Structure formats: structure tokens, C-alpha cells
PDB file of N, CA and C in Angstrom:
ATOM      1  N   MET A   1     152.709 153.462 -52.809  1.00  0.00           N
ATOM      2  CA  MET A   1     152.836 154.571 -53.429  1.00  0.00           C
ATOM      3  C   MET A   1     151.978 154.496 -54.906  1.00  0.00           C
ATOM      4  N   VAL A   2     150.791 155.478 -54.992  1.00  0.00           N
ATOM      5  CA  VAL A   2     150.449 155.420 -56.161  1.00  0.00           C
ATOM      6  C   VAL A   2     150.746 156.589 -57.614  1.00  0.00           C
ATOM      7  N   VAL A   3     150.952 155.644 -58.530  1.00  0.00           N
ATOM      8  CA  VAL A   3     151.713 156.601 -59.576  1.00  0.00           C
ATOM      9  C   VAL A   3     150.597 156.533 -60.686  1.00  0.00           C
ATOM     10  N   ILE A   4     150.186 157.716 -61.169  1.00  0.00           N
ATOM     11  CA  ILE A   4     149.463 157.964 -62.187  1.00  0.00           C
ATOM     12  C   ILE A   4     149.749 158.346 -63.657  1.00  0.00           C
ATOM     13  N   ALA A   5     149.589 157.451 -64.781  1.00  0.00           N
ATOM     14  CA  ALA A   5     150.337 157.513 -66.030  1.00  0.00           C
ATOM     15  C   ALA A   5     149.552 159.176 -66.251  1.00  0.00           C
ATOM     16  N   PRO A   6     150.430 160.214 -66.911  1.00  0.00           N
ATOM     17  CA  PRO A   6     150.257 161.453 -67.414  1.00  0.00           C
ATOM     18  C   PRO A   6     149.073 161.337 -67.906  1.00  0.00           C
ATOM     19  N   GLU A   7     148.727 160.681 -69.227  1.00  0.00           N
ATOM     20  CA  GLU A   7     147.385 160.689 -69.878  1.00  0.00           C
ATOM     21  C   GLU A   7     146.593 160.609 -69.212  1.00  0.00           C
ATOM     22  N   VAL A   8     146.288 159.844 -68.176  1.00  0.00           N
ATOM     23  CA  VAL A   8     144.842 159.661 -67.060  1.00  0.00           C
ATOM     24  C   VAL A   8     144.731 161.275 -66.362  1.00  0.00           C
ATOM     25  N   THR A   9     146.037 161.563 -65.722  1.00  0.00           N
ATOM     26  CA  THR A   9     146.072 162.997 -64.932  1.00  0.00           C
ATOM     27  C   THR A   9     145.046 164.201 -65.919  1.00  0.00           C
ATOM     28  N   SER A  10     146.102 164.042 -67.417  1.00  0.00           N
ATOM     29  CA  SER A  10     145.622 164.850 -68.086  1.00  0.00           C
ATOM     30  C   SER A  10     143.902 164.911 -68.682  1.00  0.00           C
ATOM     31  N   PHE A  11     143.791 163.712 -68.855  1.00  0.00           N
ATOM     32  CA  PHE A  11     142.128 163.466 -69.272  1.00  0.00           C
ATOM     33  C   PHE A  11     141.248 163.727 -68.215  1.00  0.00           C
ATOM     34  N   ILE A  12     141.384 163.122 -66.909  1.00  0.00           N
ATOM     35  CA  ILE A  12     140.924 163.605 -65.627  1.00  0.00           C
ATOM     36  C   ILE A  12     140.723 164.869 -65.402  1.00  0.00           C
ATOM     37  N   GLY A  13     141.794 165.464 -65.568  1.00  0.00           N
ATOM     38  CA  GLY A  13     142.292 167.154 -65.138  1.00  0.00           C
ATOM     39  C   GLY A  13     141.231 168.285 -65.658  1.00  0.00           C
ATOM     40  N   GLN A  14     141.001 167.503 -67.191  1.00  0.00           N
ATOM     41  CA  GLN A  14     140.214 168.306 -67.719  1.00  0.00           C
ATOM     42  C   GLN A  14     138.528 168.118 -67.381  1.00  0.00           C
ATOM     43  N   PHE A  15     138.348 166.910 -66.821  1.00  0.00           N
ATOM     44  CA  PHE A  15     136.982 167.123 -66.203  1.00  0.00           C
ATOM     45  C   PHE A  15     136.850 167.817 -65.192  1.00  0.00           C
ATOM     46  N   ALA A  16     138.117 167.845 -64.250  1.00  0.00           N
ATOM     47  CA  ALA A  16     137.701 168.355 -62.906  1.00  0.00           C
ATOM     48  C   ALA A  16     137.779 170.264 -63.207  1.00  0.00           C
ATOM     49  N   ASN A  17     138.942 170.399 -64.194  1.00  0.00           N
ATOM     50  CA  ASN A  17     138.801 171.920 -64.156  1.00  0.00           C
ATOM     51  C   ASN A  17     137.591 172.208 -64.772  1.00  0.00           C
ATOM     52  N   SER A  18     137.086 171.483 -65.503  1.00  0.00           N
ATOM     53  CA  SER A  18     135.419 171.825 -66.406  1.00  0.00           C
ATOM     54  C   SER A  18     134.484 172.108 -65.117  1.00  0.00           C
ATOM     55  N   ASN A  19     134.624 171.002 -64.091  1.00  0.00           N
ATOM     56  CA  ASN A  19     133.795 170.821 -63.102  1.00  0.00           C
ATOM     57  C   ASN A  19     132.325 169.727 -63.722  1.00  0.00           C
ATOM     58  N   LYS A  20     133.283 168.863 -64.482  1.00  0.00           N
ATOM     59  CA  LYS A  20     132.298 168.113 -64.795  1.00  0.00           C
ATOM     60  C   LYS A  20     132.215 166.771 -63.837  1.00  0.00           C
ATOM     61  N   PRO A  21     131.066 166.171 -63.680  1.00  0.00           N
ATOM     62  CA  PRO A  21     131.218 164.704 -62.994  1.00  0.00           C
ATOM     63  C   PRO A  21     131.967 163.674 -63.262  1.00  0.00           C
ATOM     64  N   VAL A  22     132.517 162.888 -62.715  1.00  0.00           N
ATOM     65  CA  VAL A  22     133.666 161.940 -62.503  1.00  0.00           C
ATOM     66  C   VAL A  22     132.990 160.786 -61.623  1.00  0.00           C
ATOM     67  N   GLY A  23     132.790 159.200 -62.294  1.00  0.00           N
ATOM     68  CA  GLY A  23     132.776 158.328 -61.520  1.00  0.00           C
ATOM     69  C   GLY A  23     134.221 157.608 -61.191  1.00  0.00           C
ATOM     70  N   PHE A  24     134.502 157.143 -59.916  1.00  0.00           N
ATOM     71  CA  PHE A  24     135.175 156.041 -59.699  1.00  0.00           C
ATOM     72  C   PHE A  24     134.981 155.056 -59.112  1.00  0.00           C
ATOM     73  N   ILE A  25     135.336 153.833 -59.511  1.00  0.00           N
ATOM     74  CA  ILE A  25     134.758 152.085 -59.029  1.00  0.00           C
ATOM     75  C   ILE A  25     135.921 151.228 -58.993  1.00  0.00           C
ATOM     76  N   CYS A  26     135.784 150.835 -57.387  1.00  0.00           N
ATOM     77  CA  CYS A  26     136.695 149.793 -57.440  1.00  0.00           C
ATOM     78  C   CYS A  26     138.055 150.372 -56.870  1.00  0.00           C
ATOM     79  N   ILE A  27     138.884 149.683 -57.272  1.00  0.00           N
ATOM     80  CA  ILE A  27     140.280 150.149 -56.879  1.00  0.00           C
ATOM     81  C   ILE A  27     140.264 151.832 -57.092  1.00  0.00           C
ATOM     82  N   ALA A  28     139.960 152.511 -58.446  1.00  0.00           N
ATOM     83  CA  ALA A  28     140.251 153.290 -58.615  1.00  0.00           C
ATOM     84  C   ALA A  28     139.998 154.845 -57.925  1.00  0.00           C
ATOM     85  N   PRO A  29     139.172 154.662 -56.985  1.00  0.00           N
ATOM     86  CA  PRO A  29     139.282 155.608 -56.087  1.00  0.00           C
ATOM     87  C   PRO A  29     140.369 156.143 -55.429  1.00  0.00           C
ATOM     88  N   VAL A  30     141.825 155.258 -55.540  1.00  0.00           N
ATOM     89  CA  VAL A  30     142.680 155.530 -54.688  1.00  0.00           C
ATOM     90  C   VAL A  30     143.308 156.651 -55.432  1.00  0.00           C
ATOM     91  N   MET A  31     143.016 156.757 -56.729  1.00  0.00           N
ATOM     92  CA  MET A  31     143.522 158.245 -57.409  1.00  0.00           C
ATOM     93  C   MET A  31     143.114 159.363 -57.131  1.00  0.00           C
ATOM     94  N   ILE A  32     141.772 159.354 -56.446  1.00  0.00           N
ATOM     95  CA  ILE A  32     140.906 160.943 -56.250  1.00  0.00           C
ATOM     96  C   ILE A  32     141.780 161.865 -55.479  1.00  0.00           C
ATOM     97  N   PRO A  33     142.442 161.496 -54.536  1.00  0.00           N
ATOM     98  CA  PRO A  33     143.234 163.195 -53.781  1.00  0.00           C
ATOM     99  C   PRO A  33     144.470 163.404 -54.832  1.00  0.00           C
ATOM    100  N   LEU A  34     145.113 162.381 -55.589  1.00  0.00           N
ATOM    101  CA  LEU A  34     145.947 163.017 -56.234  1.00  0.00           C
ATOM    102  C   LEU A  34     145.740 163.501 -57.866  1.00  0.00           C
ATOM    103  N   LEU A  35     144.283 163.555 -57.944  1.00  0.00           N
ATOM    104  CA  LEU A  35     143.723 163.985 -59.536  1.00  0.00           C
ATOM    105  C   LEU A  35     143.078 165.389 -59.092  1.00  0.00           C
ATOM    106  N   TYR A  36     142.453 165.292 -57.233  1.00  0.00           N
ATOM    107  CA  TYR A  36     141.473 166.341 -57.406  1.00  0.00           C
ATOM    108  C   TYR A  36     141.765 167.135 -56.257  1.00  0.00           C
ATOM    109  N   GLY A  37     143.314 166.577 -55.589  1.00  0.00           N
ATOM    110  CA  GLY A  37     144.007 167.580 -54.401  1.00  0.00           C
ATOM    111  C   GLY A  37     143.067 167.600 -53.218  1.00  0.00           C
ATOM    112  N   GLU A  38     143.648 168.183 -52.246  1.00  0.00           N
ATOM    113  CA  GLU A  38     143.455 168.207 -50.503  1.00  0.00           C
ATOM    114  C   GLU A  38     141.736 168.497 -50.162  1.00  0.00           C
ATOM    115  N   GLY A  39     141.553 167.588 -49.372  1.00  0.00           N
ATOM    116  CA  GLY A  39     139.783 167.593 -49.267  1.00  0.00           C
ATOM    117  C   GLY A  39     138.857 166.983 -50.014  1.00  0.00           C
ATOM    118  N   VAL A  40     139.203 166.824 -50.931  1.00  0.00           N
ATOM    119  CA  VAL A  40     138.260 165.448 -51.745  1.00  0.00           C
ATOM    120  C   VAL A  40     137.919 164.260 -51.199  1.00  0.00           C
ATOM    121  N   ILE A  41     136.710 164.070 -51.063  1.00  0.00           N
ATOM    122  CA  ILE A  41     136.027 162.848 -50.495  1.00  0.00           C
ATOM    123  C   ILE A  41     135.700 162.091 -51.393  1.00  0.00           C
ATOM    124  N   GLY A  42     136.052 160.832 -51.089  1.00  0.00           N
ATOM    125  CA  GLY A  42     136.002 159.500 -51.777  1.00  0.00           C
ATOM    126  C   GLY A  42     135.985 158.240 -50.920  1.00  0.00           C
ATOM    127  N   THR A  43     135.474 157.279 -51.776  1.00  0.00           N
ATOM    128  CA  THR A  43     135.648 155.707 -50.537  1.00  0.00           C
ATOM    129  C   THR A  43     136.318 154.432 -51.540  1.00  0.00           C
ATOM    130  N   ILE A  44     137.248 153.919 -51.194  1.00  0.00           N
ATOM    131  CA  ILE A  44     137.264 152.741 -51.444  1.00  0.00           C
ATOM    132  C   ILE A  44     136.566 151.376 -50.778  1.00  0.00           C
ATOM    133  N   GLY A  45     135.708 151.768 -49.776  1.00  0.00           N
ATOM    134  CA  GLY A  45     135.395 150.417 -49.350  1.00  0.00           C
ATOM    135  C   GLY A  45     135.636 150.721 -47.519  1.00  0.00           C
ATOM    136  N   ASN A  46     135.833 149.658 -46.842  1.00  0.00           N
ATOM    137  CA  ASN A  46     136.311 149.500 -45.569  1.00  0.00           C
ATOM    138  C   ASN A  46     137.735 148.882 -45.119  1.00  0.00           C
ATOM    139  N   ASP A  47     138.619 149.164 -46.136  1.00  0.00           N
ATOM    140  CA  ASP A  47     139.646 148.583 -46.186  1.00  0.00           C
ATOM    141  C   ASP A  47     141.049 149.451 -45.413  1.00  0.00           C
ATOM    142  N   SER A  48     141.179 149.450 -43.926  1.00  0.00           N
ATOM    143  CA  SER A  48     141.723 150.807 -43.517  1.00  0.00           C
ATOM    144  C   SER A  48     143.113 150.864 -43.927  1.00  0.00           C
ATOM    145  N   GLU A  49     144.048 149.811 -44.285  1.00  0.00           N
ATOM    146  CA  GLU A  49     145.331 150.378 -45.195  1.00  0.00           C
ATOM    147  C   GLU A  49     145.122 151.156 -45.873  1.00  0.00           C
ATOM    148  N   THR A  50     144.012 150.891 -47.091  1.00  0.00           N
ATOM    149  CA  THR A  50     143.823 151.768 -48.317  1.00  0.00           C
ATOM    150  C   THR A  50     143.351 153.310 -48.059  1.00  0.00           C
ATOM    151  N   ALA A  51     142.342 153.280 -47.132  1.00  0.00           N
ATOM    152  CA  ALA A  51     141.683 154.218 -46.639  1.00  0.00           C
ATOM    153  C   ALA A  51     142.699 155.334 -45.905  1.00  0.00           C
ATOM    154  N   GLN A  52     143.494 154.856 -45.069  1.00  0.00           N
ATOM    155  CA  GLN A  52     144.837 155.616 -44.469  1.00  0.00           C
ATOM    156  C   GLN A  52     145.617 155.829 -45.466  1.00  0.00           C
ATOM    157  N   ALA A  53     145.786 155.166 -46.697  1.00  0.00           N
ATOM    158  CA  ALA A  53     146.281 155.714 -47.990  1.00  0.00           C
ATOM    159  C   ALA A  53     145.987 156.645 -48.831  1.00  0.00           C
ATOM    160  N   PHE A  54     144.448 156.714 -48.887  1.00  0.00           N
ATOM    161  CA  PHE A  54     143.547 157.856 -49.202  1.00  0.00           C
ATOM    162  C   PHE A  54     143.593 158.974 -48.530  1.00  0.00           C
ATOM    163  N   ASN A  55     143.616 159.072 -46.929  1.00  0.00           N
ATOM    164  CA  ASN A  55     144.104 160.200 -46.115  1.00  0.00           C
ATOM    165  C   ASN A  55     145.244 160.702 -46.322  1.00  0.00           C
ATOM    166  N   LEU A  56     146.124 159.994 -46.197  1.00  0.00           N
ATOM    167  CA  LEU A  56     147.552 160.674 -46.069  1.00  0.00           C
ATOM    168  C   LEU A  56     147.571 161.138 -47.238  1.00  0.00           C
ATOM    169  N   MET A  57     147.141 160.780 -48.901  1.00  0.00           N
ATOM    170  CA  MET A  57     147.184 161.389 -49.981  1.00  0.00           C
ATOM    171  C   MET A  57     147.113 162.914 -49.930  1.00  0.00           C
ATOM    172  N   GLY A  58     145.607 163.071 -48.900  1.00  0.00           N
ATOM    173  CA  GLY A  58     145.020 164.191 -48.860  1.00  0.00           C
ATOM    174  C   GLY A  58     143.852 164.564 -48.790  1.00  0.00           C
ATOM    175  N   GLY A  59     143.333 162.887 -49.531  1.00  0.00           N
ATOM    176  CA  GLY A  59     141.563 162.482 -49.398  1.00  0.00           C
ATOM    177  C   GLY A  59     140.892 162.515 -48.030  1.00  0.00           C
ATOM    178  N   LYS A  60     139.699 162.760 -48.113  1.00  0.00           N
ATOM    179  CA  LYS A  60     138.692 162.744 -46.729  1.00  0.00           C
ATOM    180  C   LYS A  60     137.948 161.034 -47.136  1.00  0.00           C
ATOM    181  N   HIS A  61     138.597 160.182 -46.685  1.00  0.00           N
ATOM    182  CA  HIS A  61     137.918 158.815 -47.107  1.00  0.00           C
ATOM    183  C   HIS A  61     136.669 158.516 -46.305  1.00  0.00           C
ATOM    184  N   GLN A  62     135.256 158.124 -46.686  1.00  0.00           N
ATOM    185  CA  GLN A  62     134.422 157.755 -46.346  1.00  0.00           C
ATOM    186  C   GLN A  62     134.150 156.595 -46.309  1.00  0.00           C
ATOM    187  N   GLU A  63     133.767 155.503 -45.319  1.00  0.00           N
ATOM    188  CA  GLU A  63     133.341 154.146 -45.664  1.00  0.00           C
ATOM    189  C   GLU A  63     132.214 153.559 -46.103  1.00  0.00           C
ATOM    190  N   ALA A  64     132.313 152.673 -46.822  1.00  0.00           N
ATOM    191  CA  ALA A  64     131.215 152.607 -47.678  1.00  0.00           C
ATOM    192  C   ALA A  64     130.919 151.217 -47.934  1.00  0.00           C
ATOM    193  N   VAL A  65     129.320 150.398 -48.229  1.00  0.00           N
ATOM    194  CA  VAL A  65     129.742 149.140 -48.548  1.00  0.00           C
ATOM    195  C   VAL A  65     128.966 148.781 -49.608  1.00  0.00           C
ATOM    196  N   VAL A  66     129.402 147.519 -50.027  1.00  0.00           N
ATOM    197  CA  VAL A  66     129.077 147.631 -51.570  1.00  0.00           C
ATOM    198  C   VAL A  66     128.158 148.024 -52.126  1.00  0.00           C
ATOM    199  N   GLN A  67     126.812 148.391 -51.511  1.00  0.00           N
ATOM    200  CA  GLN A  67     125.966 148.998 -52.162  1.00  0.00           C
ATOM    201  C   GLN A  67     125.700 150.085 -52.250  1.00  0.00           C
ATOM    202  N   ASP A  68     126.686 151.036 -51.433  1.00  0.00           N
ATOM    203  CA  ASP A  68     126.679 152.595 -51.448  1.00  0.00           C
ATOM    204  C   ASP A  68     127.586 153.596 -52.459  1.00  0.00           C
ATOM    205  N   ILE A  69     127.241 154.521 -52.621  1.00  0.00           N
ATOM    206  CA  ILE A  69     127.986 155.507 -53.576  1.00  0.00           C
ATOM    207  C   ILE A  69     128.410 156.628 -52.228  1.00  0.00           C
ATOM    208  N   ILE A  70     129.381 157.432 -52.582  1.00  0.00           N
ATOM    209  CA  ILE A  70     129.788 158.362 -51.575  1.00  0.00           C
ATOM    210  C   ILE A  70     129.958 159.767 -53.190  1.00  0.00           C
ATOM    211  N   VAL A  71     129.623 160.819 -52.935  1.00  0.00           N
ATOM    212  CA  VAL A  71     129.580 161.843 -53.636  1.00  0.00           C
ATOM    213  C   VAL A  71     130.160 162.782 -52.673  1.00  0.00           C
ATOM    214  N   ASP A  72     131.003 163.440 -53.808  1.00  0.00           N
ATOM    215  CA  ASP A  72     131.468 164.721 -53.376  1.00  0.00           C
ATOM    216  C   ASP A  72     130.883 165.781 -53.908  1.00  0.00           C
ATOM    217  N   GLU A  73     130.064 166.604 -53.624  1.00  0.00           N
ATOM    218  CA  GLU A  73     129.362 167.339 -54.531  1.00  0.00           C
ATOM    219  C   GLU A  73     130.241 168.719 -54.726  1.00  0.00           C
ATOM    220  N   ILE A  74     131.429 169.081 -54.198  1.00  0.00           N
ATOM    221  CA  ILE A  74     132.131 170.233 -54.363  1.00  0.00           C
ATOM    222  C   ILE A  74     133.146 169.785 -55.554  1.00  0.00           C
ATOM    223  N   ASN A  75     133.455 168.831 -55.635  1.00  0.00           N
ATOM    224  CA  ASN A  75     134.584 168.428 -56.978  1.00  0.00           C
ATOM    225  C   ASN A  75     133.813 167.566 -57.787  1.00  0.00           C
ATOM    226  N   GLN A  76     132.557 167.382 -57.734  1.00  0.00           N
ATOM    227  CA  GLN A  76     131.624 166.921 -58.594  1.00  0.00           C
ATOM    228  C   GLN A  76     132.325 164.936 -59.031  1.00  0.00           C
ATOM    229  N   VAL A  77     132.912 164.507 -57.670  1.00  0.00           N
ATOM    230  CA  VAL A  77     133.254 163.019 -58.006  1.00  0.00           C
ATOM    231  C   VAL A  77     132.561 162.147 -57.130  1.00  0.00           C
ATOM    232  N   VAL A  78     131.911 160.951 -57.646  1.00  0.00           N
ATOM    233  CA  VAL A  78     131.149 159.893 -57.180  1.00  0.00           C
ATOM    234  C   VAL A  78     132.161 158.634 -57.205  1.00  0.00           C
ATOM    235  N   SER A  79     131.897 158.044 -56.094  1.00  0.00           N
ATOM    236  CA  SER A  79     133.105 156.778 -55.735  1.00  0.00           C
ATOM    237  C   SER A  79     132.062 155.666 -55.450  1.00  0.00           C
ATOM    238  N   THR A  80     132.306 154.286 -55.270  1.00  0.00           N
ATOM    239  CA  THR A  80     131.879 153.035 -55.000  1.00  0.00           C
ATOM    240  C   THR A  80     132.920 152.048 -54.618  1.00  0.00           C
ATOM    241  N   PRO A  81     132.880 150.986 -53.882  1.00  0.00           N
ATOM    242  CA  PRO A  81     133.702 150.389 -53.804  1.00  0.00           C
ATOM    243  C   PRO A  81     133.685 148.953 -54.511  1.00  0.00           C
ATOM    244  N   ALA A  82     132.306 148.577 -54.947  1.00  0.00           N
ATOM    245  CA  ALA A  82     132.667 147.613 -56.376  1.00  0.00           C
ATOM    246  C   ALA A  82     133.125 146.499 -55.815  1.00  0.00           C
ATOM    247  N   TYR A  83     134.093 145.830 -56.385  1.00  0.00           N
ATOM    248  CA  TYR A  83     135.130 144.738 -55.787  1.00  0.00           C
ATOM    249  C   TYR A  83     135.811 144.927 -54.844  1.00  0.00           C
ATOM    250  N   MET A  84     136.230 145.988 -54.224  1.00  0.00           N
ATOM    251  CA  MET A  84     137.114 146.101 -53.379  1.00  0.00           C
ATOM    252  C   MET A  84     136.201 145.442 -52.288  1.00  0.00           C
ATOM    253  N   LEU A  85     134.647 145.298 -52.267  1.00  0.00           N
ATOM    254  CA  LEU A  85     134.035 144.384 -51.120  1.00  0.00           C
ATOM    255  C   LEU A  85     132.573 143.214 -51.932  1.00  0.00           C
ATOM    256  N   ALA A  86     132.509 143.035 -53.251  1.00  0.00           N
ATOM    257  CA  ALA A  86     131.581 142.400 -54.050  1.00  0.00           C
ATOM    258  C   ALA A  86     131.897 141.086 -53.829  1.00  0.00           C
ATOM    259  N   GLY A  87     130.798 140.109 -53.478  1.00  0.00           N
ATOM    260  CA  GLY A  87     131.773 138.675 -53.394  1.00  0.00           C
ATOM    261  C   GLY A  87     131.153 138.249 -54.937  1.00  0.00           C
ATOM    262  N   ASN A  88     130.649 138.799 -55.970  1.00  0.00           N
ATOM    263  CA  ASN A  88     130.077 138.405 -57.064  1.00  0.00           C
ATOM    264  C   ASN A  88     129.727 140.081 -58.006  1.00  0.00           C
ATOM    265  N   ILE A  89     129.251 139.590 -58.906  1.00  0.00           N
ATOM    266  CA  ILE A  89     128.721 140.605 -59.865  1.00  0.00           C
ATOM    267  C   ILE A  89     127.288 141.285 -59.370  1.00  0.00           C
ATOM    268  N   ALA A  90     126.479 140.904 -59.296  1.00  0.00           N
ATOM    269  CA  ALA A  90     125.131 140.906 -58.563  1.00  0.00           C
ATOM    270  C   ALA A  90     125.277 142.232 -57.692  1.00  0.00           C
ATOM    271  N   GLU A  91     126.177 141.808 -56.697  1.00  0.00           N
ATOM    272  CA  GLU A  91     126.645 142.698 -55.669  1.00  0.00           C
ATOM    273  C   GLU A  91     127.373 144.036 -55.765  1.00  0.00           C
ATOM    274  N   ALA A  92     128.524 143.981 -56.410  1.00  0.00           N
ATOM    275  CA  ALA A  92     128.621 144.999 -57.297  1.00  0.00           C
ATOM    276  C   ALA A  92     128.203 146.015 -58.050  1.00  0.00           C
ATOM    277  N   SER A  93     127.116 145.277 -58.835  1.00  0.00           N
ATOM    278  CA  SER A  93     126.391 146.047 -59.720  1.00  0.00           C
ATOM    279  C   SER A  93     124.866 146.877 -59.316  1.00  0.00           C
ATOM    280  N   VAL A  94     124.976 146.886 -57.618  1.00  0.00           N
ATOM    281  CA  VAL A  94     124.341 147.877 -57.158  1.00  0.00           C
ATOM    282  C   VAL A  94     124.381 148.911 -57.066  1.00  0.00           C
ATOM    283  N   GLY A  95     126.150 149.174 -56.226  1.00  0.00           N
ATOM    284  CA  GLY A  95     126.930 150.203 -56.391  1.00  0.00           C
ATOM    285  C   GLY A  95     126.898 150.728 -57.163  1.00  0.00           C
ATOM    286  N   ILE A  96     127.346 150.193 -58.492  1.00  0.00           N
ATOM    287  CA  ILE A  96     128.008 150.818 -59.944  1.00  0.00           C
ATOM    288  C   ILE A  96     126.799 151.438 -60.414  1.00  0.00           C
ATOM    289  N   ASP A  97     125.534 150.985 -60.405  1.00  0.00           N
ATOM    290  CA  ASP A  97     124.211 151.347 -61.455  1.00  0.00           C
ATOM    291  C   ASP A  97     124.075 152.542 -60.303  1.00  0.00           C
ATOM    292  N   LYS A  98     123.616 152.839 -58.767  1.00  0.00           N
ATOM    293  CA  LYS A  98     123.807 153.916 -58.289  1.00  0.00           C
ATOM    294  C   LYS A  98     124.567 155.139 -59.103  1.00  0.00           C
ATOM    295  N   LEU A  99     125.770 154.586 -58.990  1.00  0.00           N
ATOM    296  CA  LEU A  99     126.872 155.513 -59.118  1.00  0.00           C
ATOM    297  C   LEU A  99     126.869 156.085 -60.765  1.00  0.00           C
ATOM    298  N   VAL A 100     126.393 155.438 -61.476  1.00  0.00           N
ATOM    299  CA  VAL A 100     126.183 155.730 -63.054  1.00  0.00           C
ATOM    300  C   VAL A 100     125.025 156.494 -63.393  1.00  0.00           C
ATOM    301  N   LYS A 101     123.855 156.290 -62.399  1.00  0.00           N
ATOM    302  CA  LYS A 101     123.007 157.314 -62.286  1.00  0.00           C
ATOM    303  C   LYS A 101     122.984 158.629 -61.704  1.00  0.00           C
ATOM    304  N   LYS A 102     123.656 158.809 -60.577  1.00  0.00           N
ATOM    305  CA  LYS A 102     124.141 159.918 -59.811  1.00  0.00           C
ATOM    306  C   LYS A 102     125.278 160.604 -60.913  1.00  0.00           C
ATOM    307  N   VAL A 103     125.919 160.143 -61.773  1.00  0.00           N
ATOM    308  CA  VAL A 103     126.743 160.884 -62.431  1.00  0.00           C
ATOM    309  C   VAL A 103     126.150 161.671 -63.735  1.00  0.00           C
ATOM    310  N   VAL A 104     124.868 160.750 -64.413  1.00  0.00           N
ATOM    311  CA  VAL A 104     124.268 161.154 -65.484  1.00  0.00           C
ATOM    312  C   VAL A 104     123.254 162.196 -64.955  1.00  0.00           C
ATOM    313  N   GLU A 105     122.560 162.609 -63.572  1.00  0.00           N
ATOM    314  CA  GLU A 105     121.792 163.042 -62.974  1.00  0.00           C
ATOM    315  C   GLU A 105     122.589 164.606 -62.613  1.00  0.00           C
ATOM    316  N   MET A 106     123.946 164.087 -62.197  1.00  0.00           N
ATOM    317  CA  MET A 106     124.978 165.359 -61.879  1.00  0.00           C
ATOM    318  C   MET A 106     125.494 166.472 -62.972  1.00  0.00           C
ATOM    319  N   VAL A 107     125.692 165.240 -64.273  1.00  0.00           N
ATOM    320  CA  VAL A 107     125.685 165.822 -65.514  1.00  0.00           C
ATOM    321  C   VAL A 107     124.394 167.317 -66.024  1.00  0.00           C
ATOM    322  N   GLY A 108     123.007 166.642 -66.054  1.00  0.00           N
ATOM    323  CA  GLY A 108     122.111 167.232 -65.914  1.00  0.00           C
ATOM    324  C   GLY A 108     121.861 168.059 -66.946  1.00  0.00           C
TER     325      GLY A 108
END
């Protein structure tokens, strides 16, 4: 069961309510369905149990490799697996760099 600190829920809620983009990295995307609600799209990579938990919370999990990002344009959410899959910082940095660039682009 995922429990989110009220401060985090409030903080991210302000972004969601203002339709501002947010990036979630590594295991943090598991919070996305609880923060954004039914149908939000995200990834934690390819761990089947965590992906199933994501879906059971109302999200739509999409598998991704460490270098990939998943973008939910409607909810303004970007996610990447990072250390859920990466063996080292160089591998994680590829997806993280893409995520940061996409979030900055979405702020536009």
C-alpha cells in the first residue's frame, strides 16, 4: 500500500490543479495514480508487480526501458524508470535527461 505524505499530496496537487508539468523518476511514479486519479499514464519500467500495483491504483502503466520516458500529455506527467532498471548513473542519466528536457519543453 502506498501512503503519500499530506505535504507531498498538497504540493503536487497544486501543479495538477494548475495543469503544470511534473516529472517522476525511479520509484516515485508509483504515486502518480494516487495524485492524479483514474487513467493517468506513467511508468516504473518493467517490474510486473509494481506495474500491477500502479494499475490497481487506477493508473495505466506503460513498460519502458531505462532510456525511455513516458508522457501523459493530458495530465502533464512525465516519468522514467531510472534506477528501477539502471545498473549505473550513466544508464539512469539518459532517461532522466530526456525527462527534464520534456518537462522544460512542456512549461514552454
